[in-house]
Amino acid sequence: MLAALQSPQPPPTELLLTTLLNEIAVIPDRFVLVLDDYHIVDVKPVDNALTFLLEHLPPQMHLVIATREDPSLPLARLRARVN
């Protein structure tokens, strides 16, 4: 993952996220990733990347988003998917 990020021509975001998810998938322990102050994010590509991550989240990973306003994410669709 690090080599891909440091390359002169970074690969597409979806490829980077897939690589990241594959690396996360081999982590044996459960863990929580906390994104604080997400309301500061005002860039659509970041929202798109986070949506992709949420749609492919490995079972041992939990994501907590702390924000002061609803993020520009497909919240209704994501809530409907929760088991």
N, C-alpha and C. Protein backbone atom coordinates (compact mmCIF):
# COMPACT_ATOMS: atom_id res chain seq x y z
N MET A 1 0.82 -1.18 0.00
CA MET A 1 0.00 0.00 0.00
C MET A 1 0.88 1.25 0.00
N LEU A 2 1.88 1.26 0.86
CA LEU A 2 2.76 2.42 0.97
C LEU A 2 3.48 2.69 -0.35
N ALA A 3 3.95 1.65 -1.01
CA ALA A 3 4.65 1.83 -2.29
C ALA A 3 3.72 2.43 -3.33
N ALA A 4 2.47 2.01 -3.34
CA ALA A 4 1.51 2.55 -4.31
C ALA A 4 1.26 4.03 -4.05
N LEU A 5 1.18 4.42 -2.80
CA LEU A 5 0.94 5.82 -2.46
C LEU A 5 2.14 6.70 -2.80
N GLN A 6 3.33 6.13 -2.77
CA GLN A 6 4.54 6.90 -3.02
C GLN A 6 4.96 6.90 -4.48
N SER A 7 4.24 6.20 -5.33
CA SER A 7 4.61 6.14 -6.74
C SER A 7 4.36 7.50 -7.40
N PRO A 8 5.13 7.82 -8.45
CA PRO A 8 4.96 9.12 -9.12
C PRO A 8 3.57 9.29 -9.72
N GLN A 9 2.98 8.21 -10.18
CA GLN A 9 1.63 8.25 -10.75
C GLN A 9 0.76 7.33 -9.89
N PRO A 10 0.10 7.88 -8.85
CA PRO A 10 -0.71 7.02 -7.97
C PRO A 10 -1.82 6.31 -8.75
N PRO A 11 -2.10 5.08 -8.36
CA PRO A 11 -3.16 4.33 -9.02
C PRO A 11 -4.54 4.92 -8.67
N PRO A 12 -5.58 4.47 -9.37
CA PRO A 12 -6.92 4.97 -9.06
C PRO A 12 -7.31 4.70 -7.61
N THR A 13 -8.15 5.56 -7.09
CA THR A 13 -8.56 5.47 -5.68
C THR A 13 -9.16 4.11 -5.36
N GLU A 14 -10.01 3.60 -6.25
CA GLU A 14 -10.65 2.30 -5.98
C GLU A 14 -9.62 1.19 -5.84
N LEU A 15 -8.57 1.22 -6.63
CA LEU A 15 -7.50 0.22 -6.52
C LEU A 15 -6.77 0.37 -5.20
N LEU A 16 -6.49 1.60 -4.80
CA LEU A 16 -5.85 1.84 -3.50
C LEU A 16 -6.72 1.32 -2.36
N LEU A 17 -8.01 1.62 -2.42
CA LEU A 17 -8.91 1.17 -1.35
C LEU A 17 -9.04 -0.34 -1.33
N THR A 18 -9.06 -0.96 -2.49
CA THR A 18 -9.13 -2.43 -2.54
C THR A 18 -7.87 -3.03 -1.92
N THR A 19 -6.72 -2.46 -2.23
CA THR A 19 -5.47 -2.92 -1.63
C THR A 19 -5.50 -2.74 -0.11
N LEU A 20 -5.97 -1.59 0.34
CA LEU A 20 -6.08 -1.34 1.78
C LEU A 20 -7.03 -2.35 2.43
N LEU A 21 -8.17 -2.59 1.82
CA LEU A 21 -9.13 -3.54 2.38
C LEU A 21 -8.56 -4.95 2.42
N ASN A 22 -7.79 -5.32 1.41
CA ASN A 22 -7.16 -6.64 1.42
C ASN A 22 -6.15 -6.76 2.55
N GLU A 23 -5.44 -5.69 2.82
CA GLU A 23 -4.48 -5.71 3.94
C GLU A 23 -5.21 -5.74 5.28
N ILE A 24 -6.30 -5.03 5.37
CA ILE A 24 -7.09 -5.03 6.61
C ILE A 24 -7.71 -6.41 6.84
N ALA A 25 -8.13 -7.08 5.78
CA ALA A 25 -8.82 -8.36 5.89
C ALA A 25 -7.98 -9.44 6.56
N VAL A 26 -6.66 -9.31 6.51
CA VAL A 26 -5.82 -10.34 7.14
C VAL A 26 -5.50 -10.03 8.60
N ILE A 27 -5.96 -8.90 9.10
CA ILE A 27 -5.76 -8.58 10.52
C ILE A 27 -6.69 -9.48 11.33
N PRO A 28 -6.15 -10.28 12.23
CA PRO A 28 -7.00 -11.24 12.95
C PRO A 28 -7.87 -10.62 14.04
N ASP A 29 -7.48 -9.51 14.57
CA ASP A 29 -8.20 -8.91 15.69
C ASP A 29 -9.25 -7.92 15.23
N ARG A 30 -10.30 -7.80 16.04
CA ARG A 30 -11.31 -6.77 15.78
C ARG A 30 -10.73 -5.42 16.16
N PHE A 31 -11.10 -4.39 15.43
CA PHE A 31 -10.63 -3.06 15.77
C PHE A 31 -11.63 -2.01 15.30
N VAL A 32 -11.46 -0.81 15.84
CA VAL A 32 -12.34 0.32 15.52
C VAL A 32 -11.48 1.44 14.94
N LEU A 33 -11.93 1.98 13.81
CA LEU A 33 -11.30 3.15 13.21
C LEU A 33 -12.23 4.32 13.49
N VAL A 34 -11.72 5.36 14.11
CA VAL A 34 -12.53 6.53 14.45
C VAL A 34 -12.09 7.70 13.57
N LEU A 35 -13.04 8.27 12.86
CA LEU A 35 -12.81 9.48 12.07
C LEU A 35 -13.51 10.62 12.80
N ASP A 36 -12.74 11.51 13.37
CA ASP A 36 -13.30 12.62 14.15
C ASP A 36 -13.37 13.87 13.28
N ASP A 37 -14.31 14.74 13.59
CA ASP A 37 -14.49 16.01 12.88
C ASP A 37 -14.72 15.83 11.39
N TYR A 38 -15.49 14.82 11.03
CA TYR A 38 -15.72 14.55 9.61
C TYR A 38 -16.47 15.70 8.93
N HIS A 39 -17.15 16.53 9.70
CA HIS A 39 -17.86 17.67 9.12
C HIS A 39 -16.92 18.66 8.43
N ILE A 40 -15.65 18.58 8.74
CA ILE A 40 -14.66 19.45 8.11
C ILE A 40 -14.37 19.01 6.67
N VAL A 41 -14.58 17.74 6.39
CA VAL A 41 -14.34 17.22 5.04
C VAL A 41 -15.38 17.81 4.10
N ASP A 42 -14.92 18.45 3.06
CA ASP A 42 -15.81 19.08 2.10
C ASP A 42 -15.36 18.77 0.68
N VAL A 43 -14.95 17.51 0.47
CA VAL A 43 -14.43 17.09 -0.83
C VAL A 43 -15.15 15.80 -1.22
N LYS A 44 -15.85 15.85 -2.33
CA LYS A 44 -16.65 14.71 -2.77
C LYS A 44 -15.83 13.43 -2.97
N PRO A 45 -14.59 13.49 -3.50
CA PRO A 45 -13.81 12.24 -3.63
C PRO A 45 -13.56 11.54 -2.29
N VAL A 46 -13.44 12.30 -1.21
CA VAL A 46 -13.26 11.67 0.11
C VAL A 46 -14.54 10.95 0.52
N ASP A 47 -15.69 11.59 0.29
CA ASP A 47 -16.97 10.94 0.58
C ASP A 47 -17.14 9.67 -0.25
N ASN A 48 -16.76 9.74 -1.51
CA ASN A 48 -16.85 8.56 -2.38
C ASN A 48 -15.94 7.44 -1.90
N ALA A 49 -14.74 7.79 -1.49
CA ALA A 49 -13.80 6.78 -0.99
C ALA A 49 -14.32 6.15 0.29
N LEU A 50 -14.87 6.97 1.18
CA LEU A 50 -15.39 6.44 2.43
C LEU A 50 -16.61 5.55 2.18
N THR A 51 -17.45 5.93 1.23
CA THR A 51 -18.60 5.09 0.87
C THR A 51 -18.13 3.74 0.36
N PHE A 52 -17.12 3.73 -0.50
CA PHE A 52 -16.56 2.47 -1.01
C PHE A 52 -16.04 1.62 0.16
N LEU A 53 -15.32 2.26 1.07
CA LEU A 53 -14.79 1.55 2.23
C LEU A 53 -15.92 0.95 3.06
N LEU A 54 -16.95 1.73 3.31
CA LEU A 54 -18.08 1.24 4.12
C LEU A 54 -18.81 0.09 3.43
N GLU A 55 -18.91 0.14 2.13
CA GLU A 55 -19.61 -0.92 1.40
C GLU A 55 -18.82 -2.23 1.35
N HIS A 56 -17.52 -2.15 1.64
CA HIS A 56 -16.66 -3.35 1.58
C HIS A 56 -15.94 -3.60 2.90
N LEU A 57 -16.46 -3.06 3.97
CA LEU A 57 -15.82 -3.15 5.28
C LEU A 57 -15.63 -4.60 5.73
N PRO A 58 -14.42 -5.00 6.08
CA PRO A 58 -14.19 -6.34 6.60
C PRO A 58 -14.94 -6.52 7.94
N PRO A 59 -15.35 -7.73 8.24
CA PRO A 59 -16.18 -7.96 9.44
C PRO A 59 -15.50 -7.62 10.76
N GLN A 60 -14.18 -7.66 10.81
CA GLN A 60 -13.49 -7.37 12.07
C GLN A 60 -13.24 -5.88 12.27
N MET A 61 -13.63 -5.07 11.28
CA MET A 61 -13.40 -3.64 11.37
C MET A 61 -14.71 -2.90 11.61
N HIS A 62 -14.67 -1.99 12.55
CA HIS A 62 -15.82 -1.12 12.82
C HIS A 62 -15.38 0.31 12.59
N LEU A 63 -16.27 1.10 12.03
CA LEU A 63 -15.96 2.48 11.73
C LEU A 63 -16.89 3.39 12.50
N VAL A 64 -16.31 4.36 13.19
CA VAL A 64 -17.07 5.37 13.92
C VAL A 64 -16.75 6.71 13.28
N ILE A 65 -17.80 7.43 12.88
CA ILE A 65 -17.63 8.75 12.28
C ILE A 65 -18.23 9.77 13.24
N ALA A 66 -17.39 10.66 13.74
CA ALA A 66 -17.85 11.73 14.63
C ALA A 66 -17.95 13.01 13.81
N THR A 67 -19.14 13.60 13.80
CA THR A 67 -19.37 14.78 12.98
C THR A 67 -20.47 15.63 13.60
N ARG A 68 -20.50 16.89 13.27
CA ARG A 68 -21.52 17.80 13.78
C ARG A 68 -22.70 17.94 12.84
N GLU A 69 -22.60 17.34 11.67
CA GLU A 69 -23.69 17.39 10.69
C GLU A 69 -23.70 16.09 9.91
N ASP A 70 -24.81 15.80 9.26
CA ASP A 70 -24.88 14.58 8.46
C ASP A 70 -23.85 14.64 7.35
N PRO A 71 -23.04 13.61 7.23
CA PRO A 71 -22.04 13.58 6.15
C PRO A 71 -22.72 13.32 4.81
N SER A 72 -22.03 13.64 3.75
CA SER A 72 -22.54 13.41 2.39
C SER A 72 -22.28 11.96 1.99
N LEU A 73 -22.90 11.08 2.73
CA LEU A 73 -22.78 9.64 2.50
C LEU A 73 -24.18 9.08 2.31
N PRO A 74 -24.32 7.93 1.66
CA PRO A 74 -25.65 7.35 1.47
C PRO A 74 -26.14 6.69 2.77
N LEU A 75 -26.47 7.52 3.74
CA LEU A 75 -26.80 7.03 5.08
C LEU A 75 -28.00 6.09 5.09
N ALA A 76 -29.05 6.41 4.37
CA ALA A 76 -30.24 5.55 4.37
C ALA A 76 -29.90 4.15 3.86
N ARG A 77 -29.15 4.09 2.77
CA ARG A 77 -28.76 2.80 2.21
C ARG A 77 -27.85 2.04 3.17
N LEU A 78 -26.92 2.75 3.80
CA LEU A 78 -26.01 2.09 4.74
C LEU A 78 -26.75 1.60 5.98
N ARG A 79 -27.69 2.39 6.48
CA ARG A 79 -28.48 1.95 7.64
C ARG A 79 -29.32 0.74 7.32
N ALA A 80 -29.84 0.66 6.11
CA ALA A 80 -30.67 -0.46 5.70
C ALA A 80 -29.86 -1.76 5.63
N ARG A 81 -28.57 -1.64 5.42
CA ARG A 81 -27.70 -2.82 5.31
C ARG A 81 -27.30 -3.38 6.67
N VAL A 82 -27.44 -2.62 7.74
CA VAL A 82 -27.00 -3.05 9.06
C VAL A 82 -27.81 -4.26 9.49
N ASN A 83 -27.10 -5.28 9.97
CA ASN A 83 -27.76 -6.51 10.44
C ASN A 83 -28.17 -6.39 11.86
